[in-house]
Amino acid sequence: MGGGQAGLAVGYYLRRARADYVILDAETQPGSAWQDYWDSLHLFSPAEYSTLPGWWMPKQEGEPFPTRDHVVDYVTAYEKRYELPIRRPVTVHGVHHDDDHLLIRTDTGDMRARTVISATGTWRSPHPPDIPGRALFGGRQLHTTDYRNPGLGSNGSTTSQAVSVTHHDAPQHHCGHANMITRTRLNTAATLVFVVCSGWCGRCVGVGA
């Protein structure tokens, strides 16, 4: 389940093992969540360190760190290169035991399998953190899944909420357009708070439980 990079990597090795398998993907086209990431997203690592098994990601001309669109092009070509058996759009509603098999209930019908691998990721189920005072904030609140570009339509304040490393890239490209507070959970005990104001990114103002 899942046609993102994790699902494609699993598919690559199942193909090498000559297994009988299928990849179910809820998206309408290749690229998975990469299709919905913000416009200015770049990887934090060069192409040669961001490859899927079997085929290195080509370098992007003029970009030391590949853009979102380059990644989408790469995974699209990867699917075709290895002729991975992907069915889309298919939404899985549940997986249940059924004698010696597993019953997969989807919006296109039921399927049975001996093994199910979940590679769905978290993009479709965002979890905004419960920040104290959040209800009192008068500006616009955005989760990373809602952010596409700096065009917020106002000069007010914005709160960016996410629980991933990549979300730092969104506020970086938002600088100069709004005052922003970002809150990222580093682990179960600590929280790092960044303030972005007057176009200056990444000022650490506190770490607390």
N, C-alpha and C. Protein backbone atom coordinates (compact mmCIF):
# COMPACT_ATOMS: atom_id res chain seq x y z
N MET A 1 0.85 -1.18 0.00
CA MET A 1 0.00 0.00 0.00
C MET A 1 0.89 1.24 0.00
N GLY A 2 0.70 2.09 -1.01
CA GLY A 2 1.48 3.30 -1.10
C GLY A 2 2.43 3.28 -2.28
N GLY A 3 2.33 4.32 -3.13
CA GLY A 3 3.17 4.40 -4.32
C GLY A 3 4.22 5.47 -4.26
N GLY A 4 4.59 5.88 -3.03
CA GLY A 4 5.68 6.85 -2.87
C GLY A 4 7.02 6.14 -2.95
N GLN A 5 8.09 6.84 -2.52
CA GLN A 5 9.41 6.26 -2.69
C GLN A 5 9.59 4.97 -1.91
N ALA A 6 8.95 4.84 -0.74
CA ALA A 6 9.08 3.60 0.01
C ALA A 6 8.41 2.44 -0.73
N GLY A 7 7.21 2.69 -1.27
CA GLY A 7 6.51 1.66 -2.01
C GLY A 7 7.25 1.26 -3.28
N LEU A 8 7.86 2.25 -3.95
CA LEU A 8 8.61 1.95 -5.17
C LEU A 8 9.86 1.12 -4.85
N ALA A 9 10.53 1.44 -3.75
CA ALA A 9 11.72 0.68 -3.36
C ALA A 9 11.36 -0.77 -3.05
N VAL A 10 10.26 -0.97 -2.33
CA VAL A 10 9.80 -2.33 -2.04
C VAL A 10 9.46 -3.05 -3.35
N GLY A 11 8.77 -2.35 -4.25
CA GLY A 11 8.41 -2.94 -5.53
C GLY A 11 9.62 -3.38 -6.34
N TYR A 12 10.69 -2.60 -6.26
CA TYR A 12 11.92 -2.93 -6.97
C TYR A 12 12.45 -4.29 -6.52
N TYR A 13 12.51 -4.49 -5.19
CA TYR A 13 13.06 -5.74 -4.68
C TYR A 13 12.10 -6.91 -4.88
N LEU A 14 10.80 -6.67 -4.81
CA LEU A 14 9.84 -7.74 -5.09
C LEU A 14 9.94 -8.16 -6.56
N ARG A 15 10.18 -7.20 -7.43
CA ARG A 15 10.36 -7.51 -8.85
C ARG A 15 11.58 -8.39 -9.05
N ARG A 16 12.68 -8.05 -8.36
CA ARG A 16 13.90 -8.85 -8.48
C ARG A 16 13.69 -10.27 -7.97
N ALA A 17 12.82 -10.40 -6.96
CA ALA A 17 12.53 -11.72 -6.39
C ALA A 17 11.48 -12.48 -7.19
N ARG A 18 10.98 -11.86 -8.27
CA ARG A 18 9.95 -12.45 -9.12
C ARG A 18 8.70 -12.79 -8.32
N ALA A 19 8.37 -11.94 -7.38
CA ALA A 19 7.17 -12.15 -6.56
C ALA A 19 5.92 -11.71 -7.32
N ASP A 20 4.80 -12.27 -6.92
CA ASP A 20 3.51 -11.89 -7.48
C ASP A 20 2.94 -10.80 -6.57
N TYR A 21 2.92 -9.58 -7.03
CA TYR A 21 2.53 -8.48 -6.16
C TYR A 21 1.89 -7.36 -6.96
N VAL A 22 1.28 -6.43 -6.24
CA VAL A 22 0.71 -5.23 -6.85
C VAL A 22 0.87 -4.08 -5.85
N ILE A 23 1.07 -2.89 -6.36
CA ILE A 23 1.19 -1.70 -5.52
C ILE A 23 -0.09 -0.88 -5.66
N LEU A 24 -0.74 -0.61 -4.55
CA LEU A 24 -1.95 0.20 -4.54
C LEU A 24 -1.61 1.62 -4.11
N ASP A 25 -1.99 2.57 -4.90
CA ASP A 25 -1.67 3.97 -4.62
C ASP A 25 -2.93 4.82 -4.70
N ALA A 26 -3.17 5.64 -3.70
CA ALA A 26 -4.39 6.45 -3.66
C ALA A 26 -4.30 7.68 -4.54
N GLU A 27 -3.10 8.05 -4.98
CA GLU A 27 -2.95 9.24 -5.82
C GLU A 27 -3.38 8.95 -7.26
N THR A 28 -3.63 10.00 -8.01
CA THR A 28 -4.07 9.84 -9.40
C THR A 28 -2.91 9.77 -10.38
N GLN A 29 -1.71 10.13 -9.94
CA GLN A 29 -0.56 10.15 -10.83
C GLN A 29 0.71 9.88 -10.03
N PRO A 30 1.80 9.53 -10.70
CA PRO A 30 3.06 9.25 -9.99
C PRO A 30 3.54 10.48 -9.20
N GLY A 31 4.36 10.19 -8.21
CA GLY A 31 4.90 11.28 -7.40
C GLY A 31 4.38 11.31 -5.99
N SER A 32 3.26 10.64 -5.76
CA SER A 32 2.68 10.56 -4.42
C SER A 32 2.60 11.95 -3.79
N ALA A 33 3.00 12.07 -2.52
CA ALA A 33 2.88 13.35 -1.82
C ALA A 33 3.75 14.44 -2.42
N TRP A 34 4.77 14.06 -3.20
CA TRP A 34 5.63 15.07 -3.82
C TRP A 34 4.83 15.99 -4.72
N GLN A 35 3.72 15.53 -5.25
CA GLN A 35 2.89 16.38 -6.11
C GLN A 35 2.27 17.53 -5.32
N ASP A 36 2.13 17.35 -4.01
CA ASP A 36 1.43 18.33 -3.18
C ASP A 36 2.35 19.17 -2.31
N TYR A 37 3.65 18.91 -2.36
CA TYR A 37 4.57 19.71 -1.56
C TYR A 37 4.64 21.14 -2.09
N TRP A 38 5.15 22.05 -1.25
CA TRP A 38 5.21 23.46 -1.63
C TRP A 38 6.11 23.65 -2.84
N ASP A 39 5.79 24.70 -3.61
CA ASP A 39 6.41 24.92 -4.92
C ASP A 39 7.94 25.04 -4.86
N SER A 40 8.47 25.64 -3.82
CA SER A 40 9.90 25.94 -3.76
C SER A 40 10.73 24.86 -3.07
N LEU A 41 10.12 23.72 -2.76
CA LEU A 41 10.83 22.69 -2.01
C LEU A 41 12.06 22.16 -2.75
N HIS A 42 13.17 22.07 -2.03
CA HIS A 42 14.38 21.43 -2.51
C HIS A 42 14.75 20.32 -1.51
N LEU A 43 15.38 19.27 -2.01
CA LEU A 43 15.91 18.26 -1.12
C LEU A 43 17.05 18.85 -0.29
N PHE A 44 17.32 18.25 0.85
CA PHE A 44 18.43 18.69 1.68
C PHE A 44 19.71 17.93 1.36
N SER A 45 19.66 17.02 0.41
CA SER A 45 20.82 16.25 0.03
C SER A 45 20.95 16.24 -1.49
N PRO A 46 22.16 16.11 -2.02
CA PRO A 46 22.36 16.06 -3.47
C PRO A 46 21.68 14.84 -4.08
N ALA A 47 21.51 14.85 -5.39
CA ALA A 47 20.82 13.77 -6.08
C ALA A 47 21.46 12.41 -5.80
N GLU A 48 22.80 12.36 -5.77
CA GLU A 48 23.48 11.07 -5.61
C GLU A 48 23.23 10.44 -4.24
N TYR A 49 22.74 11.22 -3.28
CA TYR A 49 22.41 10.67 -1.96
C TYR A 49 20.91 10.54 -1.76
N SER A 50 20.14 10.69 -2.82
CA SER A 50 18.68 10.67 -2.71
C SER A 50 18.06 9.67 -3.69
N THR A 51 18.80 8.63 -4.01
CA THR A 51 18.36 7.71 -5.05
C THR A 51 17.53 6.56 -4.49
N LEU A 52 16.74 5.98 -5.38
CA LEU A 52 16.03 4.74 -5.09
C LEU A 52 16.90 3.57 -5.55
N PRO A 53 16.64 2.37 -5.05
CA PRO A 53 17.50 1.23 -5.41
C PRO A 53 17.47 0.93 -6.90
N GLY A 54 18.63 0.62 -7.44
CA GLY A 54 18.72 0.21 -8.83
C GLY A 54 19.08 1.30 -9.82
N TRP A 55 18.68 2.53 -9.55
CA TRP A 55 18.88 3.60 -10.53
C TRP A 55 19.11 4.92 -9.80
N TRP A 56 20.28 5.48 -9.99
CA TRP A 56 20.62 6.73 -9.32
C TRP A 56 19.78 7.88 -9.86
N MET A 57 19.41 8.77 -8.97
CA MET A 57 18.69 9.96 -9.41
C MET A 57 19.63 10.82 -10.26
N PRO A 58 19.22 11.20 -11.47
CA PRO A 58 20.06 12.08 -12.29
C PRO A 58 20.25 13.44 -11.62
N LYS A 59 21.40 14.02 -11.83
CA LYS A 59 21.63 15.36 -11.30
C LYS A 59 20.77 16.36 -12.05
N GLN A 60 20.38 17.41 -11.36
CA GLN A 60 19.58 18.46 -11.98
C GLN A 60 20.48 19.62 -12.36
N GLU A 61 20.47 19.98 -13.61
CA GLU A 61 21.33 21.03 -14.11
C GLU A 61 21.09 22.35 -13.38
N GLY A 62 22.15 22.91 -12.81
CA GLY A 62 22.06 24.20 -12.13
C GLY A 62 21.49 24.14 -10.73
N GLU A 63 21.19 22.95 -10.24
CA GLU A 63 20.61 22.82 -8.89
C GLU A 63 21.40 21.78 -8.10
N PRO A 64 22.19 22.21 -7.11
CA PRO A 64 22.93 21.24 -6.31
C PRO A 64 22.01 20.35 -5.47
N PHE A 65 20.85 20.90 -5.12
CA PHE A 65 19.86 20.14 -4.36
C PHE A 65 18.58 20.07 -5.18
N PRO A 66 18.17 18.88 -5.60
CA PRO A 66 17.05 18.73 -6.53
C PRO A 66 15.75 19.38 -6.03
N THR A 67 14.98 19.90 -6.97
CA THR A 67 13.70 20.52 -6.66
C THR A 67 12.61 19.46 -6.56
N ARG A 68 11.47 19.89 -6.07
CA ARG A 68 10.31 18.99 -5.98
C ARG A 68 9.97 18.42 -7.34
N ASP A 69 9.90 19.25 -8.37
CA ASP A 69 9.51 18.78 -9.70
C ASP A 69 10.51 17.77 -10.26
N HIS A 70 11.79 17.96 -9.93
CA HIS A 70 12.81 17.01 -10.39
C HIS A 70 12.58 15.64 -9.75
N VAL A 71 12.22 15.63 -8.47
CA VAL A 71 11.94 14.37 -7.78
C VAL A 71 10.73 13.68 -8.40
N VAL A 72 9.68 14.46 -8.70
CA VAL A 72 8.49 13.90 -9.32
C VAL A 72 8.84 13.27 -10.67
N ASP A 73 9.65 13.97 -11.46
CA ASP A 73 10.07 13.42 -12.76
C ASP A 73 10.87 12.12 -12.58
N TYR A 74 11.69 12.10 -11.56
CA TYR A 74 12.53 10.93 -11.30
C TYR A 74 11.70 9.71 -10.92
N VAL A 75 10.78 9.87 -9.96
CA VAL A 75 9.99 8.71 -9.52
C VAL A 75 9.03 8.27 -10.63
N THR A 76 8.57 9.22 -11.45
CA THR A 76 7.71 8.86 -12.59
C THR A 76 8.48 7.98 -13.57
N ALA A 77 9.70 8.39 -13.88
CA ALA A 77 10.54 7.62 -14.79
C ALA A 77 10.94 6.28 -14.17
N TYR A 78 11.10 6.26 -12.84
CA TYR A 78 11.47 5.03 -12.13
C TYR A 78 10.39 3.97 -12.28
N GLU A 79 9.14 4.39 -12.13
CA GLU A 79 8.02 3.47 -12.30
C GLU A 79 8.05 2.83 -13.68
N LYS A 80 8.28 3.64 -14.71
CA LYS A 80 8.29 3.14 -16.08
C LYS A 80 9.51 2.26 -16.34
N ARG A 81 10.64 2.67 -15.79
CA ARG A 81 11.88 1.93 -16.03
C ARG A 81 11.76 0.48 -15.58
N TYR A 82 11.13 0.27 -14.40
CA TYR A 82 11.02 -1.08 -13.85
C TYR A 82 9.64 -1.69 -14.04
N GLU A 83 8.79 -1.00 -14.77
CA GLU A 83 7.45 -1.51 -15.08
C GLU A 83 6.75 -2.04 -13.84
N LEU A 84 6.73 -1.23 -12.80
CA LEU A 84 6.13 -1.64 -11.53
C LEU A 84 4.61 -1.71 -11.67
N PRO A 85 3.98 -2.77 -11.15
CA PRO A 85 2.53 -2.96 -11.29
C PRO A 85 1.75 -2.10 -10.30
N ILE A 86 1.57 -0.85 -10.65
CA ILE A 86 0.89 0.10 -9.75
C ILE A 86 -0.55 0.32 -10.21
N ARG A 87 -1.47 0.23 -9.29
CA ARG A 87 -2.86 0.52 -9.58
C ARG A 87 -3.24 1.83 -8.87
N ARG A 88 -3.78 2.76 -9.60
CA ARG A 88 -4.19 4.03 -9.02
C ARG A 88 -5.32 4.66 -9.83
N PRO A 89 -6.16 5.44 -9.19
CA PRO A 89 -6.21 5.66 -7.75
C PRO A 89 -7.00 4.56 -7.04
N VAL A 90 -6.42 4.01 -6.01
CA VAL A 90 -7.07 2.98 -5.19
C VAL A 90 -6.87 3.36 -3.73
N THR A 91 -7.96 3.54 -3.01
CA THR A 91 -7.89 3.87 -1.59
C THR A 91 -8.19 2.64 -0.76
N VAL A 92 -7.28 2.29 0.13
CA VAL A 92 -7.47 1.14 1.02
C VAL A 92 -8.20 1.60 2.27
N HIS A 93 -9.32 0.94 2.56
CA HIS A 93 -10.13 1.30 3.73
C HIS A 93 -9.79 0.44 4.94
N GLY A 94 -9.23 -0.73 4.73
CA GLY A 94 -8.90 -1.58 5.87
C GLY A 94 -8.27 -2.88 5.44
N VAL A 95 -7.53 -3.49 6.37
CA VAL A 95 -6.92 -4.80 6.16
C VAL A 95 -7.34 -5.69 7.31
N HIS A 96 -7.89 -6.87 7.00
CA HIS A 96 -8.43 -7.76 8.03
C HIS A 96 -7.95 -9.19 7.81
N HIS A 97 -7.86 -9.96 8.91
CA HIS A 97 -7.52 -11.37 8.80
C HIS A 97 -8.66 -12.12 8.13
N ASP A 98 -8.32 -13.05 7.25
CA ASP A 98 -9.30 -13.86 6.54
C ASP A 98 -8.71 -15.25 6.35
N ASP A 99 -8.90 -16.11 7.36
CA ASP A 99 -8.28 -17.43 7.38
C ASP A 99 -6.76 -17.29 7.27
N ASP A 100 -6.15 -17.90 6.26
CA ASP A 100 -4.70 -17.84 6.14
C ASP A 100 -4.25 -16.71 5.23
N HIS A 101 -5.16 -15.79 4.89
CA HIS A 101 -4.84 -14.64 4.05
C HIS A 101 -5.22 -13.35 4.79
N LEU A 102 -4.94 -12.25 4.14
CA LEU A 102 -5.39 -10.95 4.60
C LEU A 102 -6.38 -10.39 3.59
N LEU A 103 -7.46 -9.84 4.07
CA LEU A 103 -8.48 -9.24 3.22
C LEU A 103 -8.26 -7.74 3.16
N ILE A 104 -8.05 -7.23 1.96
CA ILE A 104 -7.82 -5.79 1.77
C ILE A 104 -9.07 -5.18 1.17
N ARG A 105 -9.71 -4.30 1.91
CA ARG A 105 -10.92 -3.64 1.43
C ARG A 105 -10.55 -2.29 0.82
N THR A 106 -10.92 -2.10 -0.44
CA THR A 106 -10.59 -0.86 -1.13
C THR A 106 -11.84 -0.27 -1.76
N ASP A 107 -11.72 0.94 -2.28
CA ASP A 107 -12.85 1.58 -2.92
C ASP A 107 -13.13 1.02 -4.31
N THR A 108 -12.26 0.11 -4.77
CA THR A 108 -12.50 -0.52 -6.07
C THR A 108 -12.80 -2.01 -5.93
N GLY A 109 -12.98 -2.49 -4.71
CA GLY A 109 -13.28 -3.89 -4.49
C GLY A 109 -12.32 -4.52 -3.49
N ASP A 110 -12.63 -5.75 -3.09
CA ASP A 110 -11.81 -6.45 -2.11
C ASP A 110 -10.71 -7.26 -2.78
N MET A 111 -9.61 -7.45 -2.06
CA MET A 111 -8.48 -8.24 -2.54
C MET A 111 -8.01 -9.11 -1.39
N ARG A 112 -7.34 -10.22 -1.72
CA ARG A 112 -6.77 -11.10 -0.71
C ARG A 112 -5.28 -11.29 -0.99
N ALA A 113 -4.50 -11.31 0.08
CA ALA A 113 -3.06 -11.47 -0.06
C ALA A 113 -2.49 -12.18 1.16
N ARG A 114 -1.34 -12.80 0.98
CA ARG A 114 -0.68 -13.45 2.11
C ARG A 114 0.13 -12.45 2.93
N THR A 115 0.59 -11.40 2.28
CA THR A 115 1.41 -10.39 2.96
C THR A 115 0.98 -9.01 2.49
N VAL A 116 0.93 -8.07 3.41
CA VAL A 116 0.62 -6.68 3.09
C VAL A 116 1.72 -5.80 3.68
N ILE A 117 2.26 -4.94 2.86
CA ILE A 117 3.28 -3.98 3.32
C ILE A 117 2.67 -2.59 3.30
N SER A 118 2.70 -1.92 4.43
CA SER A 118 2.18 -0.55 4.51
C SER A 118 3.31 0.43 4.28
N ALA A 119 3.21 1.19 3.16
CA ALA A 119 4.20 2.22 2.83
C ALA A 119 3.47 3.51 2.50
N THR A 120 2.47 3.82 3.32
CA THR A 120 1.56 4.92 3.00
C THR A 120 2.06 6.29 3.42
N GLY A 121 2.99 6.35 4.38
CA GLY A 121 3.44 7.66 4.85
C GLY A 121 2.37 8.33 5.71
N THR A 122 2.58 9.63 5.96
CA THR A 122 1.68 10.37 6.86
C THR A 122 1.05 11.60 6.21
N TRP A 123 1.35 11.86 4.95
CA TRP A 123 0.92 13.11 4.33
C TRP A 123 -0.59 13.28 4.32
N ARG A 124 -1.32 12.20 4.12
CA ARG A 124 -2.78 12.28 4.04
C ARG A 124 -3.44 12.37 5.42
N SER A 125 -2.66 12.21 6.48
CA SER A 125 -3.22 12.28 7.83
C SER A 125 -2.40 13.23 8.69
N PRO A 126 -2.42 14.52 8.37
CA PRO A 126 -1.62 15.49 9.15
C PRO A 126 -2.10 15.59 10.59
N HIS A 127 -1.17 15.87 11.48
CA HIS A 127 -1.50 16.00 12.90
C HIS A 127 -1.00 17.35 13.41
N PRO A 128 -1.85 18.38 13.38
CA PRO A 128 -1.43 19.68 13.93
C PRO A 128 -1.17 19.56 15.43
N PRO A 129 -0.02 19.98 15.90
CA PRO A 129 0.29 19.86 17.33
C PRO A 129 -0.60 20.77 18.16
N ASP A 130 -0.89 20.33 19.35
CA ASP A 130 -1.74 21.10 20.26
C ASP A 130 -0.88 22.13 21.00
N ILE A 131 -0.71 23.29 20.38
CA ILE A 131 0.13 24.34 20.94
C ILE A 131 -0.69 25.19 21.91
N PRO A 132 -0.23 25.38 23.14
CA PRO A 132 -0.96 26.22 24.09
C PRO A 132 -1.20 27.62 23.52
N GLY A 133 -2.42 28.11 23.61
CA GLY A 133 -2.76 29.43 23.12
C GLY A 133 -3.09 29.46 21.64
N ARG A 134 -3.10 28.31 21.00
CA ARG A 134 -3.36 28.26 19.57
C ARG A 134 -4.70 28.88 19.21
N ALA A 135 -5.71 28.64 20.04
CA ALA A 135 -7.05 29.17 19.77
C ALA A 135 -7.10 30.69 19.87
N LEU A 136 -6.12 31.29 20.55
CA LEU A 136 -6.10 32.74 20.74
C LEU A 136 -5.40 33.46 19.59
N PHE A 137 -4.66 32.70 18.76
CA PHE A 137 -3.92 33.31 17.67
C PHE A 137 -4.87 33.82 16.60
N GLY A 138 -4.75 35.10 16.24
CA GLY A 138 -5.70 35.71 15.31
C GLY A 138 -5.32 35.61 13.85
N GLY A 139 -4.10 35.13 13.56
CA GLY A 139 -3.67 35.02 12.18
C GLY A 139 -4.07 33.70 11.55
N ARG A 140 -3.55 33.45 10.37
CA ARG A 140 -3.85 32.23 9.65
C ARG A 140 -2.92 31.12 10.09
N GLN A 141 -3.47 29.95 10.37
CA GLN A 141 -2.68 28.81 10.82
C GLN A 141 -2.59 27.78 9.69
N LEU A 142 -1.37 27.38 9.37
CA LEU A 142 -1.15 26.45 8.27
C LEU A 142 -0.34 25.25 8.73
N HIS A 143 -0.78 24.07 8.33
CA HIS A 143 0.06 22.88 8.45
C HIS A 143 0.86 22.78 7.16
N THR A 144 1.97 22.07 7.19
CA THR A 144 2.79 21.94 6.00
C THR A 144 1.99 21.40 4.82
N THR A 145 1.01 20.55 5.08
CA THR A 145 0.21 19.98 4.00
C THR A 145 -0.64 21.02 3.29
N ASP A 146 -0.83 22.20 3.91
CA ASP A 146 -1.66 23.25 3.31
C ASP A 146 -0.82 24.31 2.60
N TYR A 147 0.49 24.27 2.81
CA TYR A 147 1.35 25.35 2.31
C TYR A 147 1.83 25.05 0.89
N ARG A 148 1.72 26.03 -0.03
CA ARG A 148 2.23 25.87 -1.39
C ARG A 148 3.23 26.96 -1.77
N ASN A 149 2.99 28.21 -1.36
CA ASN A 149 3.88 29.31 -1.71
C ASN A 149 3.62 30.48 -0.77
N PRO A 150 4.46 31.54 -0.82
CA PRO A 150 4.33 32.66 0.13
C PRO A 150 3.12 33.55 -0.08
N GLY A 151 2.30 33.31 -1.10
CA GLY A 151 1.18 34.19 -1.39
C GLY A 151 0.02 34.02 -0.43
N LEU A 152 0.18 34.49 0.78
CA LEU A 152 -0.87 34.35 1.78
C LEU A 152 -1.96 35.41 1.62
N GLY A 153 -1.68 36.45 0.86
CA GLY A 153 -2.71 37.46 0.63
C GLY A 153 -2.80 38.50 1.73
N SER A 154 -1.83 38.51 2.66
CA SER A 154 -1.86 39.52 3.72
C SER A 154 -0.46 39.68 4.26
N ASN A 155 -0.26 40.73 5.06
CA ASN A 155 1.03 40.96 5.70
C ASN A 155 0.99 40.60 7.18
N GLY A 156 -0.02 39.81 7.54
CA GLY A 156 -0.18 39.45 8.93
C GLY A 156 0.74 38.32 9.36
N SER A 157 0.43 37.78 10.52
CA SER A 157 1.24 36.71 11.08
C SER A 157 0.68 35.36 10.68
N THR A 158 1.56 34.40 10.60
CA THR A 158 1.18 33.05 10.23
C THR A 158 1.87 32.07 11.15
N THR A 159 1.16 31.05 11.57
CA THR A 159 1.75 29.99 12.37
C THR A 159 1.89 28.77 11.50
N SER A 160 3.10 28.24 11.39
CA SER A 160 3.35 27.02 10.62
C SER A 160 3.54 25.87 11.59
N GLN A 161 2.74 24.81 11.41
CA GLN A 161 2.79 23.69 12.35
C GLN A 161 3.07 22.41 11.59
N ALA A 162 4.07 21.65 12.04
CA ALA A 162 4.38 20.40 11.38
C ALA A 162 5.24 19.55 12.29
N VAL A 163 5.40 18.28 11.93
CA VAL A 163 6.20 17.37 12.73
C VAL A 163 7.15 16.63 11.81
N SER A 164 7.92 17.34 11.03
CA SER A 164 8.87 16.70 10.13
C SER A 164 10.06 17.60 9.90
N VAL A 165 11.15 17.00 9.46
CA VAL A 165 12.36 17.79 9.19
C VAL A 165 12.13 18.71 8.00
N THR A 166 11.46 18.21 6.94
CA THR A 166 11.36 18.96 5.71
C THR A 166 10.55 20.23 5.86
N HIS A 167 9.76 20.36 6.92
CA HIS A 167 8.90 21.54 7.00
C HIS A 167 9.69 22.81 7.23
N HIS A 168 10.97 22.69 7.65
CA HIS A 168 11.77 23.90 7.83
C HIS A 168 11.94 24.65 6.52
N ASP A 169 11.89 23.95 5.40
CA ASP A 169 12.10 24.56 4.10
C ASP A 169 10.98 25.53 3.76
N ALA A 170 9.76 25.25 4.22
CA ALA A 170 8.63 26.11 3.89
C ALA A 170 8.77 27.50 4.52
N PRO A 171 9.03 27.60 5.84
CA PRO A 171 9.24 28.94 6.41
C PRO A 171 10.43 29.66 5.82
N GLN A 172 11.49 28.92 5.46
CA GLN A 172 12.65 29.56 4.86
C GLN A 172 12.25 30.35 3.61
N HIS A 173 11.39 29.76 2.78
CA HIS A 173 10.99 30.42 1.55
C HIS A 173 9.85 31.41 1.77
N HIS A 174 9.33 31.44 3.00
CA HIS A 174 8.26 32.37 3.32
C HIS A 174 8.81 33.69 3.87
N CYS A 175 10.10 33.73 4.13
CA CYS A 175 10.71 34.92 4.74
C CYS A 175 10.44 36.16 3.90
N GLY A 176 10.20 37.27 4.59
CA GLY A 176 9.95 38.53 3.91
C GLY A 176 8.50 38.74 3.55
N HIS A 177 7.67 37.72 3.72
CA HIS A 177 6.27 37.84 3.37
C HIS A 177 5.37 37.91 4.59
N ALA A 178 5.83 37.39 5.70
CA ALA A 178 5.00 37.41 6.90
C ALA A 178 5.87 37.12 8.12
N ASN A 179 5.36 37.51 9.28
CA ASN A 179 6.00 37.11 10.52
C ASN A 179 5.52 35.70 10.81
N MET A 180 6.42 34.80 11.14
CA MET A 180 6.04 33.41 11.29
C MET A 180 6.68 32.79 12.52
N ILE A 181 5.91 31.99 13.21
CA ILE A 181 6.42 31.20 14.31
C ILE A 181 6.28 29.74 13.89
N THR A 182 7.37 28.98 13.97
CA THR A 182 7.27 27.57 13.64
C THR A 182 7.62 26.76 14.88
N ARG A 183 6.94 25.64 15.02
CA ARG A 183 7.15 24.79 16.18
C ARG A 183 7.33 23.36 15.67
N THR A 184 8.45 22.77 16.01
CA THR A 184 8.75 21.44 15.52
C THR A 184 9.06 20.51 16.69
N ARG A 185 8.44 19.35 16.71
CA ARG A 185 8.73 18.39 17.77
C ARG A 185 9.97 17.61 17.39
N LEU A 186 11.01 17.74 18.20
CA LEU A 186 12.26 17.05 17.94
C LEU A 186 12.20 15.61 18.42
N ASN A 187 11.58 15.41 19.57
CA ASN A 187 11.36 14.06 20.08
C ASN A 187 10.19 14.15 21.06
N THR A 188 9.96 13.12 21.83
CA THR A 188 8.79 13.12 22.70
C THR A 188 8.92 14.06 23.88
N ALA A 189 10.13 14.54 24.16
CA ALA A 189 10.32 15.35 25.35
C ALA A 189 10.60 16.82 25.09
N ALA A 190 11.18 17.13 23.95
CA ALA A 190 11.63 18.50 23.72
C ALA A 190 10.96 19.13 22.51
N THR A 191 10.82 20.43 22.57
CA THR A 191 10.25 21.18 21.46
C THR A 191 11.14 22.37 21.16
N LEU A 192 11.45 22.58 19.90
CA LEU A 192 12.27 23.70 19.48
C LEU A 192 11.39 24.73 18.82
N VAL A 193 11.50 25.97 19.25
CA VAL A 193 10.66 27.04 18.72
C VAL A 193 11.52 28.01 17.91
N PHE A 194 11.12 28.26 16.70
CA PHE A 194 11.80 29.21 15.84
C PHE A 194 10.90 30.42 15.63
N VAL A 195 11.49 31.59 15.52
CA VAL A 195 10.76 32.78 15.15
C VAL A 195 11.35 33.31 13.86
N VAL A 196 10.49 33.62 12.91
CA VAL A 196 10.92 34.20 11.64
C VAL A 196 10.29 35.57 11.53
N CYS A 197 11.10 36.61 11.47
CA CYS A 197 10.52 37.95 11.39
C CYS A 197 11.46 38.86 10.60
N SER A 198 10.87 39.82 9.93
CA SER A 198 11.64 40.79 9.13
C SER A 198 12.58 40.12 8.14
N GLY A 199 12.17 38.95 7.61
CA GLY A 199 12.95 38.28 6.59
C GLY A 199 14.16 37.54 7.11
N TRP A 200 14.28 37.37 8.43
CA TRP A 200 15.45 36.68 8.98
C TRP A 200 15.00 35.33 9.51
N CYS A 201 15.59 34.26 8.99
CA CYS A 201 15.10 32.92 9.29
C CYS A 201 15.91 32.24 10.40
N GLY A 202 15.23 31.38 11.11
CA GLY A 202 15.90 30.42 11.97
C GLY A 202 16.45 30.97 13.26
N ARG A 203 15.82 31.94 13.87
CA ARG A 203 16.28 32.39 15.18
C ARG A 203 15.70 31.47 16.26
N CYS A 204 16.57 30.77 16.95
CA CYS A 204 16.12 29.86 18.01
C CYS A 204 15.85 30.67 19.26
N VAL A 205 14.61 30.62 19.74
CA VAL A 205 14.26 31.42 20.91
C VAL A 205 13.99 30.56 22.13
N GLY A 206 13.97 29.25 21.99
CA GLY A 206 13.76 28.47 23.20
C GLY A 206 13.61 26.99 22.95
N VAL A 207 14.04 26.21 23.90
CA VAL A 207 13.84 24.79 23.89
C VAL A 207 13.21 24.40 25.20
N GLY A 208 12.10 23.69 25.15
CA GLY A 208 11.43 23.33 26.38
C GLY A 208 10.70 22.01 26.27
N ALA A 209 10.27 21.51 27.39
CA ALA A 209 9.55 20.24 27.42
C ALA A 209 8.15 20.44 26.91
